[in-house]
Amino acid sequence: MNMTDVAKRGLVLLGCGKMGSAMLEGWLRTGLPPTSVWVIDPNPSDWLKQQGVQIGEDLPKNPAVAIIAVKPQMMEEALPDVKALGNGETLIISIAAGTMIAKFESVFGDATPIVRAMPNTPASIGRGITAIVGNDKVAEDDMDLAEGLLLSVGDVVRLDDEDQMDVVTAVSGSGPAYVFHLIETLAAAGMAEGLSAELAMQLAKATVAGAGDLAQDLSVNPAQLRTNVTSPNGTTQAALEVLMDYKTGFPPLLRRAVAAAAKRSRELANE
């Protein structure tokens, strides 16, 4: 399948919160006709109502793709609305955190091609990264279509197997919270050294955002970027001697944090 098939047969979006809205905005911006989109959402926003898409449960019988974009706790209530699409011809894509492919196979049937995706919160502004993996009914062109649709909210990577999702969740899914906490603590440290709260937060936010943009250059290793900032016996070296300490610094701290998040992801998948 390709986007032409999606335009002809239709796309169903189950849930249109921040992530669903970000995806929909990207699809419409890149040329998907609004009349090819059906949205099921119990509380459609004013923005959604203005997009020209079809809102409600009167769905096409054989859409090209259905995207599950509801929160995991709403899954049991929402899935019956689209259960009939498990016909083996509609590609199902889930961006629901912590919900395994087997759960969707139990609802839609074993013959259904299903792609599980894990975006992160920067996807809501088109700056995210999404990991995808499919079941054994997903063909290469299905993966291409899933990747193409999810590129609307940022980068996409393909996993070798679903077991990797727990680590992806711990690194990129939960990762934005680690960065937000870094901003908080960096600002607090600046305040402790005498800066006003407003100035310290402005400096911390701009520094983390700018450094992140620099790190997006895939041709340059972050270690090299760090070295470029670090003058021998200078201020940055003094700070890095604390942060890079092998017992108390960032390396062991982040290893423990990521391991804890991955462990909890595995536990949640089995609850």
Protein backbone atom coordinates (compact mmCIF):
# COMPACT_ATOMS: atom_id res chain seq x y z
CA MET A 1 0.00 0.00 0.00
CA ASN A 2 0.94 3.64 -0.43
CA MET A 3 -0.56 7.05 0.21
CA THR A 4 -2.60 6.80 -2.98
CA ASP A 5 -4.30 3.71 -1.55
CA VAL A 6 -4.91 5.61 1.69
CA ALA A 7 -6.52 8.49 -0.22
CA LYS A 8 -8.76 6.06 -2.14
CA ARG A 9 -9.73 3.63 0.62
CA GLY A 10 -9.54 5.95 3.60
CA LEU A 11 -7.76 6.27 6.93
CA VAL A 12 -9.43 5.80 10.31
CA LEU A 13 -7.98 7.63 13.33
CA LEU A 14 -9.18 6.36 16.71
CA GLY A 15 -8.43 9.16 19.17
CA CYS A 16 -7.44 12.70 18.28
CA GLY A 17 -5.64 14.13 21.29
CA LYS A 18 -2.30 15.92 21.06
CA MET A 19 -0.52 13.10 19.24
CA GLY A 20 -3.44 12.26 16.96
CA SER A 21 -3.90 15.93 16.10
CA ALA A 22 -0.19 16.33 15.33
CA MET A 23 -0.29 13.35 12.96
CA LEU A 24 -3.49 14.50 11.30
CA GLU A 25 -2.11 17.98 10.77
CA GLY A 26 0.97 16.49 9.09
CA TRP A 27 -1.07 14.23 6.78
CA LEU A 28 -3.34 17.05 5.66
CA ARG A 29 -0.39 19.38 5.16
CA THR A 30 1.31 16.86 2.87
CA GLY A 31 -1.76 16.33 0.70
CA LEU A 32 -4.01 13.63 2.18
CA PRO A 33 -7.59 14.74 1.33
CA PRO A 34 -9.66 15.50 4.46
CA THR A 35 -12.52 13.50 2.94
CA SER A 36 -10.30 10.40 3.12
CA VAL A 37 -10.03 10.63 6.92
CA TRP A 38 -12.51 9.32 9.49
CA VAL A 39 -11.95 10.28 13.13
CA ILE A 40 -13.51 8.63 16.17
CA ASP A 41 -13.16 10.85 19.22
CA PRO A 42 -15.72 11.32 22.02
CA ASN A 43 -14.79 14.99 22.48
CA PRO A 44 -13.70 16.41 19.12
CA SER A 45 -11.90 19.73 19.43
CA ASP A 46 -12.95 22.88 17.61
CA TRP A 47 -9.75 22.55 15.57
CA LEU A 48 -10.73 19.04 14.46
CA LYS A 49 -14.21 20.16 13.46
CA GLN A 50 -12.68 22.75 11.14
CA GLN A 51 -10.46 20.31 9.20
CA GLY A 52 -13.11 18.87 6.88
CA VAL A 53 -12.56 15.29 8.06
CA GLN A 54 -15.42 12.92 8.79
CA ILE A 55 -16.11 12.62 12.50
CA GLY A 56 -18.12 9.74 13.92
CA GLU A 57 -18.49 5.98 13.76
CA ASP A 58 -19.94 5.59 10.23
CA LEU A 59 -16.68 4.12 8.96
CA PRO A 60 -15.64 2.79 5.54
CA LYS A 61 -15.85 -1.00 5.34
CA ASN A 62 -12.31 -1.54 4.10
CA PRO A 63 -10.02 1.41 4.89
CA ALA A 64 -6.34 1.16 4.01
CA VAL A 65 -5.21 1.86 7.56
CA ALA A 66 -6.57 2.39 11.05
CA ILE A 67 -4.47 4.14 13.67
CA ILE A 68 -5.09 3.51 17.36
CA ALA A 69 -4.15 6.72 19.17
CA VAL A 70 -6.06 6.43 22.45
CA LYS A 71 -4.52 6.16 25.91
CA PRO A 72 -4.00 2.57 27.14
CA GLN A 73 -6.57 3.02 29.92
CA MET A 74 -9.21 3.86 27.28
CA MET A 75 -8.38 0.87 25.11
CA GLU A 76 -11.06 -1.55 26.33
CA GLU A 77 -13.80 1.02 25.76
CA ALA A 78 -12.50 2.27 22.39
CA LEU A 79 -11.43 -0.87 20.51
CA PRO A 80 -14.94 -2.25 19.89
CA ASP A 81 -15.54 0.79 17.64
CA VAL A 82 -12.97 -0.51 15.16
CA LYS A 83 -12.95 -4.27 15.81
CA ALA A 84 -14.70 -4.91 12.49
CA LEU A 85 -11.64 -3.58 10.65
CA GLY A 86 -9.69 -6.72 11.57
CA ASN A 87 -10.33 -8.20 8.15
CA GLY A 88 -6.76 -8.87 7.09
CA GLU A 89 -6.81 -6.07 4.53
CA THR A 90 -6.69 -3.01 6.80
CA LEU A 91 -3.31 -2.18 8.33
CA ILE A 92 -3.65 -1.50 12.06
CA ILE A 93 -1.09 0.88 13.59
CA SER A 94 -1.03 1.38 17.36
CA ILE A 95 0.75 4.22 19.14
CA ALA A 96 -0.67 3.16 22.52
CA ALA A 97 2.16 2.91 25.05
CA GLY A 98 2.75 -0.43 26.71
CA THR A 99 0.17 -2.39 24.68
CA MET A 100 1.69 -5.39 22.95
CA ILE A 101 0.88 -6.65 19.47
CA ALA A 102 -0.65 -9.81 20.95
CA LYS A 103 -3.36 -7.70 22.58
CA PHE A 104 -4.41 -6.29 19.22
CA GLU A 105 -4.23 -9.72 17.57
CA SER A 106 -6.69 -10.98 20.18
CA VAL A 107 -9.11 -8.18 19.22
CA PHE A 108 -8.64 -7.94 15.44
CA GLY A 109 -7.68 -11.55 14.68
CA ASP A 110 -4.45 -13.33 13.79
CA ALA A 111 -4.75 -12.51 10.08
CA THR A 112 -4.55 -8.76 10.71
CA PRO A 113 -1.34 -6.86 9.84
CA ILE A 114 -0.44 -4.87 12.95
CA VAL A 115 2.35 -2.34 13.50
CA ARG A 116 3.20 -1.24 17.01
CA ALA A 117 4.74 2.21 17.27
CA MET A 118 6.35 4.12 20.14
CA PRO A 119 6.52 7.88 19.53
CA ASN A 120 7.67 10.35 22.17
CA THR A 121 6.17 13.63 23.29
CA PRO A 122 8.23 15.93 21.01
CA ALA A 123 6.20 14.30 18.22
CA SER A 124 3.41 16.69 19.23
CA ILE A 125 5.47 19.50 17.66
CA GLY A 126 6.86 17.41 14.79
CA ARG A 127 10.24 16.85 16.49
CA GLY A 128 9.78 13.35 17.84
CA ILE A 129 11.25 9.96 17.08
CA THR A 130 9.10 6.86 16.68
CA ALA A 131 10.16 3.21 16.79
CA ILE A 132 8.05 0.70 14.84
CA VAL A 133 7.79 -3.07 14.63
CA GLY A 134 5.25 -5.29 12.89
CA ASN A 135 3.77 -8.75 13.32
CA ASP A 136 4.36 -11.52 10.80
CA LYS A 137 1.37 -10.42 8.68
CA VAL A 138 2.96 -7.04 7.95
CA ALA A 139 4.51 -6.84 4.46
CA GLU A 140 7.38 -4.55 3.52
CA ASP A 141 5.04 -2.07 1.84
CA ASP A 142 2.95 -1.99 5.04
CA MET A 143 6.06 -0.99 6.98
CA ASP A 144 6.84 1.62 4.36
CA LEU A 145 3.34 3.03 4.73
CA ALA A 146 3.54 3.06 8.53
CA GLU A 147 6.89 4.81 8.37
CA GLY A 148 5.58 7.35 5.87
CA LEU A 149 2.58 8.18 8.05
CA LEU A 150 4.65 8.53 11.21
CA LEU A 151 7.28 10.69 9.54
CA SER A 152 4.67 13.43 9.86
CA VAL A 153 5.69 13.81 13.52
CA GLY A 154 9.47 13.28 13.31
CA ASP A 155 12.05 10.60 12.65
CA VAL A 156 11.23 6.87 12.44
CA VAL A 157 13.36 3.83 13.24
CA ARG A 158 12.54 0.16 12.67
CA LEU A 159 13.14 -2.47 15.34
CA ASP A 160 14.20 -6.07 14.80
CA ASP A 161 11.69 -7.46 17.31
CA GLU A 162 9.06 -6.29 19.77
CA ASP A 163 11.22 -7.08 22.82
CA GLN A 164 13.28 -3.99 22.01
CA MET A 165 10.26 -1.78 22.71
CA ASP A 166 10.88 -1.84 26.46
CA VAL A 167 14.35 -0.33 26.05
CA VAL A 168 13.07 2.12 23.42
CA THR A 169 10.43 3.20 25.95
CA ALA A 170 13.13 3.71 28.57
CA VAL A 171 15.42 5.71 26.27
CA SER A 172 13.25 7.79 23.94
CA GLY A 173 9.72 7.30 25.30
CA SER A 174 10.56 8.36 28.85
CA GLY A 175 13.69 10.25 27.81
CA PRO A 176 12.08 13.69 27.37
CA ALA A 177 11.22 13.65 31.09
CA TYR A 178 14.91 13.14 31.89
CA VAL A 179 15.79 16.18 29.79
CA PHE A 180 13.04 18.27 31.37
CA HIS A 181 14.39 17.32 34.80
CA LEU A 182 17.88 18.32 33.63
CA ILE A 183 16.50 21.76 32.77
CA GLU A 184 14.87 22.01 36.19
CA THR A 185 18.01 21.04 38.08
CA LEU A 186 20.32 23.16 35.91
CA ALA A 187 18.15 26.20 36.60
CA ALA A 188 18.03 25.38 40.32
CA ALA A 189 21.85 25.14 40.38
CA GLY A 190 22.08 28.55 38.72
CA MET A 191 19.75 30.00 41.35
CA ALA A 192 21.90 28.48 44.10
CA GLU A 193 24.84 30.41 42.67
CA GLY A 194 22.96 33.71 42.73
CA LEU A 195 20.89 34.01 39.53
CA SER A 196 17.23 34.98 39.62
CA ALA A 197 14.74 32.17 39.02
CA GLU A 198 13.60 33.71 35.73
CA LEU A 199 17.10 34.22 34.34
CA ALA A 200 18.32 30.79 35.48
CA MET A 201 15.36 29.06 33.77
CA GLN A 202 15.80 31.07 30.56
CA LEU A 203 19.48 30.13 30.40
CA ALA A 204 18.80 26.46 31.18
CA LYS A 205 16.01 26.08 28.59
CA ALA A 206 17.93 27.81 25.80
CA THR A 207 21.13 25.90 26.56
CA VAL A 208 19.49 22.46 26.48
CA ALA A 209 17.44 23.29 23.38
CA GLY A 210 20.45 24.69 21.50
CA ALA A 211 22.71 21.79 22.48
CA GLY A 212 20.02 19.37 21.31
CA ASP A 213 19.90 21.08 17.92
CA LEU A 214 23.69 20.81 17.62
CA ALA A 215 23.54 17.11 18.51
CA GLN A 216 21.07 16.48 15.66
CA ASP A 217 24.00 16.65 13.21
CA LEU A 218 24.51 12.90 12.78
CA SER A 219 27.95 13.42 11.25
CA VAL A 220 29.33 14.65 14.58
CA ASN A 221 29.63 12.41 17.64
CA PRO A 222 28.26 14.00 20.85
CA ALA A 223 31.54 13.09 22.52
CA GLN A 224 33.31 15.32 20.00
CA LEU A 225 30.85 18.14 20.65
CA ARG A 226 31.60 17.79 24.37
CA THR A 227 35.33 17.89 23.69
CA ASN A 228 34.93 21.00 21.55
CA VAL A 229 33.41 22.87 24.51
CA THR A 230 35.97 21.63 27.04
CA SER A 231 39.15 23.71 27.41
CA PRO A 232 41.97 22.07 29.40
CA ASN A 233 41.76 23.05 33.05
CA GLY A 234 38.80 25.33 32.30
CA THR A 235 35.35 25.72 33.77
CA THR A 236 33.71 22.99 31.68
CA GLN A 237 36.38 20.46 32.63
CA ALA A 238 35.81 21.26 36.31
CA ALA A 239 32.10 20.54 35.90
CA LEU A 240 32.60 17.41 33.79
CA GLU A 241 34.91 15.89 36.41
CA VAL A 242 31.83 15.84 38.65
CA LEU A 243 29.29 14.79 36.03
CA MET A 244 31.44 12.05 34.48
CA ASP A 245 32.50 10.45 37.77
CA TYR A 246 32.16 6.69 37.26
CA LYS A 247 30.58 6.20 40.71
CA THR A 248 28.32 9.22 41.21
CA GLY A 249 28.05 10.99 37.85
CA PHE A 250 25.78 10.77 34.83
CA PRO A 251 26.99 7.37 33.49
CA PRO A 252 25.92 5.18 36.42
CA LEU A 253 22.91 7.37 37.20
CA LEU A 254 21.43 7.14 33.70
CA ARG A 255 22.21 3.42 33.47
CA ARG A 256 20.15 2.88 36.62
CA ALA A 257 17.37 5.17 35.40
CA VAL A 258 17.05 3.51 31.99
CA ALA A 259 17.22 0.03 33.53
CA ALA A 260 14.44 0.96 35.98
CA ALA A 261 12.22 2.32 33.20
CA ALA A 262 12.81 -0.74 31.00
CA LYS A 263 12.03 -3.06 33.91
CA ARG A 264 8.79 -1.21 34.63
CA SER A 265 7.82 -1.33 30.94
CA ARG A 266 8.20 -5.12 30.97
CA GLU A 267 6.11 -5.34 34.14
CA LEU A 268 3.32 -3.18 32.71
CA ALA A 269 3.16 -5.31 29.56
CA ASN A 270 2.40 -8.34 31.72
CA GLU A 271 -0.14 -6.78 34.05
